[in-house]
Protein backbone atom coordinates (compact mmCIF):
# COMPACT_ATOMS: atom_id res chain seq x y z
CA UNK A 1 51.61 -30.75 61.55
CA UNK A 2 50.51 -31.10 65.14
CA UNK A 3 46.98 -32.51 65.45
CA UNK A 4 44.79 -31.50 68.36
CA UNK A 5 42.34 -33.42 70.46
CA UNK A 6 39.76 -30.71 69.72
CA UNK A 7 37.93 -30.91 66.38
CA UNK A 8 39.20 -28.72 63.54
CA UNK A 9 42.17 -27.36 65.52
CA UNK A 10 45.60 -28.10 64.10
CA UNK A 11 48.97 -26.39 64.17
CA UNK A 12 50.76 -26.28 60.83
CA UNK A 13 54.30 -24.90 60.50
CA UNK A 14 56.83 -24.52 57.74
CA UNK A 15 60.47 -25.10 58.68
CA UNK A 16 63.32 -22.92 57.41
CA UNK A 17 67.06 -23.04 58.00
CA UNK A 18 67.51 -19.30 58.70
CA UNK A 19 64.57 -17.37 60.18
CA UNK A 20 66.30 -13.98 59.87
CA UNK A 21 66.88 -14.54 56.14
CA UNK A 22 63.26 -15.66 55.74
CA UNK A 23 61.95 -12.50 57.44
CA UNK A 24 64.22 -10.32 55.24
CA UNK A 25 63.04 -12.11 52.08
CA UNK A 26 59.40 -11.61 53.05
CA UNK A 27 60.01 -7.93 53.89
CA UNK A 28 61.63 -7.44 50.47
CA UNK A 29 58.40 -8.76 48.91
CA UNK A 30 56.23 -6.45 51.03
CA UNK A 31 55.04 -9.26 53.32
CA UNK A 32 55.11 -8.56 57.04
CA UNK A 33 56.08 -11.19 59.57
CA UNK A 34 55.32 -11.22 63.25
CA UNK A 35 57.97 -10.73 65.92
CA UNK A 36 60.49 -13.59 66.02
CA UNK A 37 60.07 -15.52 69.26
CA UNK A 38 62.84 -17.63 70.80
CA UNK A 39 61.20 -20.82 72.08
CA UNK A 40 62.67 -24.00 73.53
CA UNK A 41 62.17 -25.82 70.21
CA UNK A 42 63.25 -23.05 67.83
CA UNK A 43 62.77 -19.50 66.60
CA UNK A 44 59.22 -18.79 65.40
CA UNK A 45 57.50 -16.09 63.35
CA UNK A 46 54.06 -15.87 61.77
CA UNK A 47 52.96 -14.66 58.36
CA UNK A 48 49.45 -13.21 58.07
CA UNK A 49 47.47 -14.89 55.27
CA UNK A 50 45.08 -12.96 52.98
CA UNK A 51 42.08 -14.57 54.69
CA UNK A 52 43.24 -13.32 58.11
CA UNK A 53 44.77 -16.55 59.42
CA UNK A 54 48.38 -16.94 60.49
CA UNK A 55 50.96 -19.41 59.22
CA UNK A 56 53.88 -20.31 61.47
CA UNK A 57 57.42 -20.52 60.12
CA UNK A 58 60.25 -21.65 62.36
CA UNK A 59 63.93 -22.42 62.49
CA UNK A 60 64.27 -25.53 64.64
CA UNK A 61 66.78 -25.85 67.44
CA UNK A 62 66.10 -29.60 67.66
CA UNK A 63 67.64 -32.21 65.35
CA UNK A 64 65.63 -32.73 62.18
CA UNK A 65 64.51 -36.23 61.22
CA UNK A 66 66.54 -37.94 58.54
CA UNK A 67 64.95 -38.12 55.12
CA UNK A 68 63.81 -41.57 54.08
CA UNK A 69 65.86 -43.16 51.34
CA UNK A 70 64.21 -43.58 47.95
CA UNK A 71 63.54 -47.14 46.94
């Protein structure tokens, strides 16, 4: 989640390990994805939501943070 300085504007992305496999899986379910874009921080696509919004899904090219250890 990337908050914005403007009110009610946020960027929310899901991360996946293989964007091509994600797009294929969505296509097999009849869900269309946008064109995959190669960006400096990863490969990005968008899925159109029923309400008309878009949800970003990307495969990062940057190191992922380590998971916190359970206590």
